[in-house]
Amino acid sequence: MVTVLKQGATKERIKRILKQLKKESESKGIDAYKYLGKIKLKKDALVIQKELRNEWE
């Protein structure tokens, strides 16, 4: 997306453009904090990762 700011733009115009850009950028991606603490592991995550890597050898 390209935004053009012309010389002599007012502060209000710049604020509106910035607000619009922020609104558009928020809609992309996922909210990772929504899933925080949802999985309960019985082992340490590093131990699980090492076990999974060793399976391929």
PDB file of N, CA and C in Angstrom:
ATOM      1  N   MET A   1       0.838  -1.171   0.000  1.00  0.00           N
ATOM      2  CA  MET A   1       0.000   0.000   0.000  1.00  0.00           C
ATOM      3  C   MET A   1       0.885   1.237   0.000  1.00  0.00           C
ATOM      4  N   VAL A   2       0.494   2.212  -0.761  1.00  0.00           N
ATOM      5  CA  VAL A   2       1.252   3.451  -0.869  1.00  0.00           C
ATOM      6  C   VAL A   2       0.392   4.586  -0.332  1.00  0.00           C
ATOM      7  N   THR A   3       0.985   5.372   0.523  1.00  0.00           N
ATOM      8  CA  THR A   3       0.305   6.547   1.059  1.00  0.00           C
ATOM      9  C   THR A   3       1.108   7.779   0.665  1.00  0.00           C
ATOM     10  N   VAL A   4       0.423   8.746   0.105  1.00  0.00           N
ATOM     11  CA  VAL A   4       1.096   9.961  -0.353  1.00  0.00           C
ATOM     12  C   VAL A   4       0.741  11.100   0.589  1.00  0.00           C
ATOM     13  N   LEU A   5       1.766  11.710   1.126  1.00  0.00           N
ATOM     14  CA  LEU A   5       1.586  12.914   1.938  1.00  0.00           C
ATOM     15  C   LEU A   5       2.126  14.088   1.137  1.00  0.00           C
ATOM     16  N   LYS A   6       1.252  14.990   0.813  1.00  0.00           N
ATOM     17  CA  LYS A   6       1.679  16.158   0.047  1.00  0.00           C
ATOM     18  C   LYS A   6       2.221  17.223   0.986  1.00  0.00           C
ATOM     19  N   GLN A   7       3.128  17.994   0.443  1.00  0.00           N
ATOM     20  CA  GLN A   7       3.716  19.070   1.221  1.00  0.00           C
ATOM     21  C   GLN A   7       2.615  20.039   1.645  1.00  0.00           C
ATOM     22  N   GLY A   8       2.629  20.417   2.895  1.00  0.00           N
ATOM     23  CA  GLY A   8       1.641  21.341   3.413  1.00  0.00           C
ATOM     24  C   GLY A   8       0.415  20.646   3.981  1.00  0.00           C
ATOM     25  N   ALA A   9       0.475  19.319   4.146  1.00  0.00           N
ATOM     26  CA  ALA A   9      -0.662  18.594   4.715  1.00  0.00           C
ATOM     27  C   ALA A   9      -0.856  19.022   6.169  1.00  0.00           C
ATOM     28  N   THR A  10      -2.088  19.116   6.578  1.00  0.00           N
ATOM     29  CA  THR A  10      -2.380  19.531   7.945  1.00  0.00           C
ATOM     30  C   THR A  10      -2.166  18.367   8.915  1.00  0.00           C
ATOM     31  N   LYS A  11      -2.045  18.723  10.181  1.00  0.00           N
ATOM     32  CA  LYS A  11      -1.868  17.694  11.208  1.00  0.00           C
ATOM     33  C   LYS A  11      -3.069  16.762  11.264  1.00  0.00           C
ATOM     34  N   GLU A  12      -4.249  17.307  11.081  1.00  0.00           N
ATOM     35  CA  GLU A  12      -5.475  16.496  11.104  1.00  0.00           C
ATOM     36  C   GLU A  12      -5.476  15.479   9.970  1.00  0.00           C
ATOM     37  N   ARG A  13      -5.046  15.904   8.791  1.00  0.00           N
ATOM     38  CA  ARG A  13      -4.987  15.003   7.637  1.00  0.00           C
ATOM     39  C   ARG A  13      -3.987  13.881   7.904  1.00  0.00           C
ATOM     40  N   ILE A  14      -2.843  14.206   8.458  1.00  0.00           N
ATOM     41  CA  ILE A  14      -1.818  13.209   8.768  1.00  0.00           C
ATOM     42  C   ILE A  14      -2.335  12.234   9.819  1.00  0.00           C
ATOM     43  N   LYS A  15      -3.016  12.739  10.838  1.00  0.00           N
ATOM     44  CA  LYS A  15      -3.576  11.874  11.875  1.00  0.00           C
ATOM     45  C   LYS A  15      -4.599  10.903  11.298  1.00  0.00           C
ATOM     46  N   ARG A  16      -5.448  11.373  10.377  1.00  0.00           N
ATOM     47  CA  ARG A  16      -6.444  10.500   9.749  1.00  0.00           C
ATOM     48  C   ARG A  16      -5.776   9.395   8.939  1.00  0.00           C
ATOM     49  N   ILE A  17      -4.728   9.749   8.214  1.00  0.00           N
ATOM     50  CA  ILE A  17      -4.005   8.761   7.415  1.00  0.00           C
ATOM     51  C   ILE A  17      -3.360   7.717   8.318  1.00  0.00           C
ATOM     52  N   LEU A  18      -2.713   8.165   9.395  1.00  0.00           N
ATOM     53  CA  LEU A  18      -2.083   7.235  10.327  1.00  0.00           C
ATOM     54  C   LEU A  18      -3.106   6.323  10.992  1.00  0.00           C
ATOM     55  N   LYS A  19      -4.256   6.868  11.331  1.00  0.00           N
ATOM     56  CA  LYS A  19      -5.321   6.079  11.944  1.00  0.00           C
ATOM     57  C   LYS A  19      -5.824   5.005  10.978  1.00  0.00           C
ATOM     58  N   GLN A  20      -5.960   5.365   9.719  1.00  0.00           N
ATOM     59  CA  GLN A  20      -6.407   4.426   8.706  1.00  0.00           C
ATOM     60  C   GLN A  20      -5.372   3.326   8.498  1.00  0.00           C
ATOM     61  N   LEU A  21      -4.095   3.671   8.460  1.00  0.00           N
ATOM     62  CA  LEU A  21      -3.040   2.672   8.299  1.00  0.00           C
ATOM     63  C   LEU A  21      -3.014   1.704   9.475  1.00  0.00           C
ATOM     64  N   LYS A  22      -3.176   2.225  10.678  1.00  0.00           N
ATOM     65  CA  LYS A  22      -3.179   1.382  11.860  1.00  0.00           C
ATOM     66  C   LYS A  22      -4.358   0.416  11.829  1.00  0.00           C
ATOM     67  N   LYS A  23      -5.505   0.895  11.410  1.00  0.00           N
ATOM     68  CA  LYS A  23      -6.709   0.074  11.339  1.00  0.00           C
ATOM     69  C   LYS A  23      -6.518  -1.065  10.341  1.00  0.00           C
ATOM     70  N   GLU A  24      -5.903  -0.789   9.198  1.00  0.00           N
ATOM     71  CA  GLU A  24      -5.677  -1.802   8.179  1.00  0.00           C
ATOM     72  C   GLU A  24      -4.635  -2.819   8.612  1.00  0.00           C
ATOM     73  N   SER A  25      -3.618  -2.393   9.336  1.00  0.00           N
ATOM     74  CA  SER A  25      -2.558  -3.314   9.743  1.00  0.00           C
ATOM     75  C   SER A  25      -2.990  -4.220  10.891  1.00  0.00           C
ATOM     76  N   GLU A  26      -3.967  -3.810  11.687  1.00  0.00           N
ATOM     77  CA  GLU A  26      -4.436  -4.630  12.802  1.00  0.00           C
ATOM     78  C   GLU A  26      -5.226  -5.846  12.332  1.00  0.00           C
ATOM     79  N   SER A  27      -5.823  -5.781  11.171  1.00  0.00           N
ATOM     80  CA  SER A  27      -6.676  -6.855  10.710  1.00  0.00           C
ATOM     81  C   SER A  27      -5.886  -8.088  10.264  1.00  0.00           C
ATOM     82  N   LYS A  28      -4.592  -7.968  10.050  1.00  0.00           N
ATOM     83  CA  LYS A  28      -3.779  -9.091   9.590  1.00  0.00           C
ATOM     84  C   LYS A  28      -3.185  -9.833  10.774  1.00  0.00           C
ATOM     85  N   GLY A  29      -3.020 -11.147  10.608  1.00  0.00           N
ATOM     86  CA  GLY A  29      -2.366 -11.943  11.626  1.00  0.00           C
ATOM     87  C   GLY A  29      -3.336 -12.524  12.635  1.00  0.00           C
ATOM     88  N   ILE A  30      -2.764 -13.173  13.639  1.00  0.00           N
ATOM     89  CA  ILE A  30      -3.580 -13.788  14.684  1.00  0.00           C
ATOM     90  C   ILE A  30      -3.202 -13.204  16.035  1.00  0.00           C
ATOM     91  N   ASP A  31      -4.077 -13.383  16.976  1.00  0.00           N
ATOM     92  CA  ASP A  31      -3.815 -12.933  18.336  1.00  0.00           C
ATOM     93  C   ASP A  31      -3.191 -14.103  19.104  1.00  0.00           C
ATOM     94  N   ALA A  32      -1.871 -14.130  19.214  1.00  0.00           N
ATOM     95  CA  ALA A  32      -1.170 -15.236  19.859  1.00  0.00           C
ATOM     96  C   ALA A  32      -1.463 -15.291  21.358  1.00  0.00           C
ATOM     97  N   TYR A  33      -1.761 -14.177  21.965  1.00  0.00           N
ATOM     98  CA  TYR A  33      -2.037 -14.158  23.398  1.00  0.00           C
ATOM     99  C   TYR A  33      -3.325 -14.897  23.746  1.00  0.00           C
ATOM    100  N   LYS A  34      -4.167 -15.102  22.764  1.00  0.00           N
ATOM    101  CA  LYS A  34      -5.412 -15.836  22.980  1.00  0.00           C
ATOM    102  C   LYS A  34      -5.120 -17.287  23.369  1.00  0.00           C
ATOM    103  N   TYR A  35      -3.990 -17.837  22.900  1.00  0.00           N
ATOM    104  CA  TYR A  35      -3.639 -19.227  23.139  1.00  0.00           C
ATOM    105  C   TYR A  35      -2.637 -19.403  24.278  1.00  0.00           C
ATOM    106  N   LEU A  36      -2.241 -18.334  24.899  1.00  0.00           N
ATOM    107  CA  LEU A  36      -1.237 -18.385  25.956  1.00  0.00           C
ATOM    108  C   LEU A  36      -1.728 -19.206  27.146  1.00  0.00           C
ATOM    109  N   GLY A  37      -0.949 -20.224  27.526  1.00  0.00           N
ATOM    110  CA  GLY A  37      -1.268 -21.039  28.688  1.00  0.00           C
ATOM    111  C   GLY A  37      -2.347 -22.067  28.465  1.00  0.00           C
ATOM    112  N   LYS A  38      -2.721 -22.363  27.238  1.00  0.00           N
ATOM    113  CA  LYS A  38      -3.802 -23.309  26.955  1.00  0.00           C
ATOM    114  C   LYS A  38      -3.313 -24.758  26.953  1.00  0.00           C
ATOM    115  N   ILE A  39      -2.028 -24.981  26.670  1.00  0.00           N
ATOM    116  CA  ILE A  39      -1.496 -26.341  26.599  1.00  0.00           C
ATOM    117  C   ILE A  39      -0.761 -26.659  27.890  1.00  0.00           C
ATOM    118  N   LYS A  40      -1.118 -27.778  28.488  1.00  0.00           N
ATOM    119  CA  LYS A  40      -0.432 -28.239  29.695  1.00  0.00           C
ATOM    120  C   LYS A  40       0.483 -29.396  29.316  1.00  0.00           C
ATOM    121  N   LEU A  41       1.789 -29.208  29.459  1.00  0.00           N
ATOM    122  CA  LEU A  41       2.760 -30.226  29.091  1.00  0.00           C
ATOM    123  C   LEU A  41       3.195 -31.000  30.328  1.00  0.00           C
ATOM    124  N   LYS A  42       3.384 -32.311  30.141  1.00  0.00           N
ATOM    125  CA  LYS A  42       3.853 -33.143  31.242  1.00  0.00           C
ATOM    126  C   LYS A  42       5.375 -33.161  31.313  1.00  0.00           C
ATOM    127  N   LYS A  43       6.032 -32.818  30.192  1.00  0.00           N
ATOM    128  CA  LYS A  43       7.491 -32.756  30.137  1.00  0.00           C
ATOM    129  C   LYS A  43       7.912 -31.331  29.787  1.00  0.00           C
ATOM    130  N   ASP A  44       9.196 -31.083  29.956  1.00  0.00           N
ATOM    131  CA  ASP A  44       9.761 -29.804  29.563  1.00  0.00           C
ATOM    132  C   ASP A  44       9.745 -29.693  28.042  1.00  0.00           C
ATOM    133  N   ALA A  45       9.445 -28.544  27.513  1.00  0.00           N
ATOM    134  CA  ALA A  45       9.335 -28.355  26.067  1.00  0.00           C
ATOM    135  C   ALA A  45      10.644 -28.661  25.353  1.00  0.00           C
ATOM    136  N   LEU A  46      11.773 -28.342  25.963  1.00  0.00           N
ATOM    137  CA  LEU A  46      13.070 -28.612  25.346  1.00  0.00           C
ATOM    138  C   LEU A  46      13.320 -30.111  25.240  1.00  0.00           C
ATOM    139  N   VAL A  47      12.904 -30.874  26.245  1.00  0.00           N
ATOM    140  CA  VAL A  47      13.064 -32.328  26.223  1.00  0.00           C
ATOM    141  C   VAL A  47      12.220 -32.921  25.096  1.00  0.00           C
ATOM    142  N   ILE A  48      11.001 -32.450  24.955  1.00  0.00           N
ATOM    143  CA  ILE A  48      10.120 -32.926  23.889  1.00  0.00           C
ATOM    144  C   ILE A  48      10.733 -32.621  22.524  1.00  0.00           C
ATOM    145  N   GLN A  49      11.261 -31.433  22.363  1.00  0.00           N
ATOM    146  CA  GLN A  49      11.867 -31.041  21.096  1.00  0.00           C
ATOM    147  C   GLN A  49      13.059 -31.945  20.761  1.00  0.00           C
ATOM    148  N   LYS A  50      13.913 -32.229  21.731  1.00  0.00           N
ATOM    149  CA  LYS A  50      15.072 -33.093  21.492  1.00  0.00           C
ATOM    150  C   LYS A  50      14.634 -34.503  21.134  1.00  0.00           C
ATOM    151  N   GLU A  51      13.598 -35.023  21.786  1.00  0.00           N
ATOM    152  CA  GLU A  51      13.095 -36.354  21.468  1.00  0.00           C
ATOM    153  C   GLU A  51      12.582 -36.412  20.033  1.00  0.00           C
ATOM    154  N   LEU A  52      11.849 -35.393  19.621  1.00  0.00           N
ATOM    155  CA  LEU A  52      11.328 -35.367  18.262  1.00  0.00           C
ATOM    156  C   LEU A  52      12.450 -35.293  17.232  1.00  0.00           C
ATOM    157  N   ARG A  53      13.481 -34.547  17.513  1.00  0.00           N
ATOM    158  CA  ARG A  53      14.609 -34.459  16.579  1.00  0.00           C
ATOM    159  C   ARG A  53      15.361 -35.779  16.510  1.00  0.00           C
ATOM    160  N   ASN A  54      15.474 -36.483  17.631  1.00  0.00           N
ATOM    161  CA  ASN A  54      16.207 -37.748  17.647  1.00  0.00           C
ATOM    162  C   ASN A  54      15.451 -38.854  16.909  1.00  0.00           C
ATOM    163  N   GLU A  55      14.155 -38.714  16.736  1.00  0.00           N
ATOM    164  CA  GLU A  55      13.387 -39.724  16.002  1.00  0.00           C
ATOM    165  C   GLU A  55      13.806 -39.798  14.553  1.00  0.00           C
ATOM    166  N   TRP A  56      14.292 -38.717  13.974  1.00  0.00           N
ATOM    167  CA  TRP A  56      14.637 -38.687  12.557  1.00  0.00           C
ATOM    168  C   TRP A  56      16.005 -39.293  12.286  1.00  0.00           C
ATOM    169  N   GLU A  57      16.801 -39.514  13.289  1.00  0.00           N
ATOM    170  CA  GLU A  57      18.157 -40.024  13.075  1.00  0.00           C
ATOM    171  C   GLU A  57      18.161 -41.518  12.896  1.00  0.00           C
TER     172      GLU A  57
END
